[in-house]
Amino acid sequence: MARKAPAGGHRENGQALDKLKSVYEFMTRHDLESVELDQEGAHLKLVRRRAAAPVPVPVPMPSAAAAAAAPLPTAPAAPEIPAGGQTIKAPMMGIFYRASSPSSPPFVKEGESVKPGHVLCMIEAMKVFNEVKAEYPCTILKTLLDNGKPVKSGQDLFLIQR
């Protein structure tokens, strides 16, 4: 059963809101952290929470001489592909695996001839293991990645001969 608001309820709410605004203005005008008010059976407590001031953190800056003396990191050299050699590239980025488990033998060995559809490796992407299969008959000359290493889409995986 719905209860009716007492007559003049809107006026009382408006007065309470006006009282709250005036207490808040008093608090801010006098830069107070908190205010408590007990009046006519009502208890009001306002507490101001200030945002913590950001604390500067010193960052050491290397001198120009130290920066010039430090060697720059270099990317590993791309494997040399002999004349007539081709590569099989990664179809996606992920983690390269030569075998289905650490205790299993690799899917292919160097020097092995494979037929279309033969599984060459697996690439794990987002917890899903994707098989990379040979698209044509070829001989695996060299595996270009170490097991368990990250691979980028389009990166060379195997050096082959058709």
Protein backbone atom coordinates (compact mmCIF):
# COMPACT_ATOMS: atom_id res chain seq x y z
CA MET A 1 0.00 0.00 0.00
CA ALA A 2 1.48 3.32 -1.06
CA ARG A 3 2.04 5.98 1.58
CA LYS A 4 1.13 9.56 0.89
CA ALA A 5 3.63 12.29 1.57
CA PRO A 6 2.51 14.64 4.32
CA ALA A 7 1.04 17.91 3.19
CA GLY A 8 3.77 20.45 2.61
CA GLY A 9 6.40 17.69 2.17
CA HIS A 10 7.91 19.33 -0.88
CA ARG A 11 8.28 22.57 1.03
CA GLU A 12 10.02 20.76 3.92
CA ASN A 13 12.40 19.00 1.50
CA GLY A 14 13.21 22.30 -0.13
CA GLN A 15 13.93 23.87 3.25
CA ALA A 16 16.18 20.94 4.20
CA LEU A 17 18.06 21.29 0.93
CA ASP A 18 18.46 25.02 1.46
CA LYS A 19 19.80 24.33 4.99
CA LEU A 20 22.25 21.74 3.59
CA LYS A 21 23.49 24.19 0.95
CA SER A 22 24.02 26.92 3.53
CA VAL A 23 26.00 24.56 5.80
CA TYR A 24 28.13 23.48 2.83
CA GLU A 25 28.78 27.12 1.82
CA PHE A 26 29.76 27.93 5.44
CA MET A 27 32.15 24.94 5.41
CA THR A 28 33.85 25.96 2.16
CA ARG A 29 33.95 29.68 3.00
CA HIS A 30 35.81 28.96 6.25
CA ASP A 31 37.93 26.16 4.71
CA LEU A 32 36.72 23.57 7.23
CA GLU A 33 37.49 19.85 6.84
CA SER A 34 34.25 18.72 8.51
CA VAL A 35 31.07 20.10 10.01
CA GLU A 36 28.53 18.43 12.31
CA LEU A 37 25.12 19.85 13.01
CA ASP A 38 22.42 18.57 15.42
CA GLN A 39 19.18 20.45 15.05
CA GLU A 40 15.55 19.54 15.68
CA GLY A 41 16.25 15.81 15.91
CA ALA A 42 18.28 15.72 12.69
CA HIS A 43 22.01 14.98 12.62
CA LEU A 44 24.13 16.20 9.70
CA LYS A 45 27.81 15.56 9.18
CA LEU A 46 29.76 16.86 6.15
CA VAL A 47 33.36 15.80 5.57
CA ARG A 48 35.50 17.22 2.81
CA ARG A 49 37.82 14.80 1.06
CA ARG A 50 40.61 16.51 -0.75
CA ALA A 51 42.38 14.79 -3.60
CA ALA A 52 45.90 13.82 -2.67
CA ALA A 53 48.42 16.11 -4.25
CA PRO A 54 50.57 14.33 -6.82
CA VAL A 55 54.03 13.61 -5.51
CA PRO A 56 56.81 14.27 -8.02
CA VAL A 57 59.13 11.32 -8.51
CA PRO A 58 62.69 12.12 -9.54
CA VAL A 59 63.81 10.26 -12.65
CA PRO A 60 67.55 9.92 -13.17
CA MET A 61 68.61 11.21 -16.56
CA PRO A 62 71.77 9.80 -18.10
CA SER A 63 74.34 12.33 -19.14
CA ALA A 64 74.99 12.87 -22.85
CA ALA A 65 78.44 11.25 -22.52
CA ALA A 66 76.99 8.11 -20.89
CA ALA A 67 74.27 7.86 -23.53
CA ALA A 68 76.83 8.19 -26.33
CA ALA A 69 79.07 5.50 -24.79
CA ALA A 70 76.25 2.96 -24.30
CA PRO A 71 75.91 0.55 -27.24
CA LEU A 72 72.50 0.45 -28.88
CA PRO A 73 70.71 -2.91 -28.87
CA THR A 74 70.63 -4.52 -32.27
CA ALA A 75 68.00 -6.79 -33.72
CA PRO A 76 69.08 -10.33 -34.52
CA ALA A 77 70.24 -10.70 -38.08
CA ALA A 78 67.77 -12.27 -40.47
CA PRO A 79 68.85 -15.75 -41.58
CA GLU A 80 70.55 -15.90 -44.95
CA ILE A 81 68.42 -17.61 -47.56
CA PRO A 82 70.50 -19.42 -50.15
CA ALA A 83 69.80 -18.90 -53.84
CA GLY A 84 66.79 -20.96 -54.87
CA GLY A 85 65.73 -21.36 -51.22
CA GLN A 86 62.28 -20.43 -50.03
CA THR A 87 60.71 -20.00 -46.64
CA ILE A 88 57.46 -20.94 -44.96
CA LYS A 89 56.12 -17.94 -43.06
CA ALA A 90 54.02 -17.72 -39.91
CA PRO A 91 50.33 -17.18 -40.72
CA MET A 92 49.76 -15.38 -37.38
CA MET A 93 51.58 -14.08 -34.36
CA GLY A 94 51.91 -16.23 -31.25
CA ILE A 95 54.31 -18.73 -29.68
CA PHE A 96 56.15 -21.18 -31.98
CA TYR A 97 56.22 -24.87 -31.01
CA ARG A 98 58.08 -27.58 -32.93
CA ALA A 99 56.17 -30.42 -31.22
CA SER A 100 52.76 -31.07 -29.66
CA SER A 101 54.32 -31.40 -26.18
CA PRO A 102 57.78 -30.99 -24.61
CA SER A 103 58.30 -34.76 -24.52
CA SER A 104 57.08 -35.38 -28.10
CA PRO A 105 59.40 -35.48 -31.12
CA PRO A 106 59.29 -32.44 -33.44
CA PHE A 107 56.69 -32.48 -36.22
CA VAL A 108 59.49 -32.19 -38.83
CA LYS A 109 63.26 -32.56 -38.79
CA GLU A 110 65.82 -30.83 -40.96
CA GLY A 111 66.34 -32.77 -44.18
CA GLU A 112 62.87 -34.35 -44.01
CA SER A 113 60.65 -34.32 -47.12
CA VAL A 114 57.00 -33.49 -46.45
CA LYS A 115 53.78 -33.74 -48.45
CA PRO A 116 50.95 -31.19 -48.59
CA GLY A 117 48.92 -31.25 -45.37
CA HIS A 118 51.83 -32.47 -43.20
CA VAL A 119 51.91 -30.58 -39.86
CA LEU A 120 55.12 -28.56 -39.62
CA CYS A 121 54.63 -26.79 -36.27
CA MET A 122 52.06 -25.23 -33.98
CA ILE A 123 51.52 -21.58 -33.11
CA GLU A 124 49.74 -20.79 -29.87
CA ALA A 125 47.62 -17.67 -30.06
CA MET A 126 45.30 -16.72 -27.18
CA LYS A 127 45.45 -20.21 -25.62
CA VAL A 128 44.52 -21.87 -28.95
CA PHE A 129 47.04 -24.12 -30.69
CA ASN A 130 46.96 -23.68 -34.47
CA GLU A 131 48.66 -26.22 -36.74
CA VAL A 132 50.81 -24.87 -39.56
CA LYS A 133 50.67 -27.36 -42.45
CA ALA A 134 52.72 -27.71 -45.62
CA GLU A 135 50.87 -26.33 -48.64
CA TYR A 136 53.04 -28.17 -51.20
CA PRO A 137 55.66 -30.93 -51.27
CA CYS A 138 59.03 -29.68 -50.02
CA THR A 139 62.16 -30.55 -48.05
CA ILE A 140 62.84 -28.82 -44.73
CA LEU A 141 66.37 -27.42 -44.90
CA LYS A 142 66.40 -25.55 -41.60
CA THR A 143 64.11 -24.57 -38.72
CA LEU A 144 64.61 -20.83 -38.22
CA LEU A 145 63.07 -20.41 -34.75
CA ASP A 146 63.71 -21.94 -31.36
CA ASN A 147 60.94 -23.83 -29.63
CA GLY A 148 58.74 -21.69 -27.36
CA LYS A 149 59.80 -18.36 -28.86
CA PRO A 150 57.41 -15.57 -29.92
CA VAL A 151 56.74 -15.26 -33.64
CA LYS A 152 55.23 -12.42 -35.66
CA SER A 153 52.81 -12.81 -38.53
CA GLY A 154 54.79 -13.17 -41.75
CA GLN A 155 58.02 -14.14 -39.97
CA ASP A 156 60.06 -16.94 -41.57
CA LEU A 157 59.65 -20.31 -39.80
CA PHE A 158 61.37 -22.83 -42.07
CA LEU A 159 63.89 -22.69 -44.87
CA ILE A 160 62.72 -25.12 -47.54
CA GLN A 161 63.49 -26.41 -50.98
CA ARG A 162 60.69 -27.27 -53.42
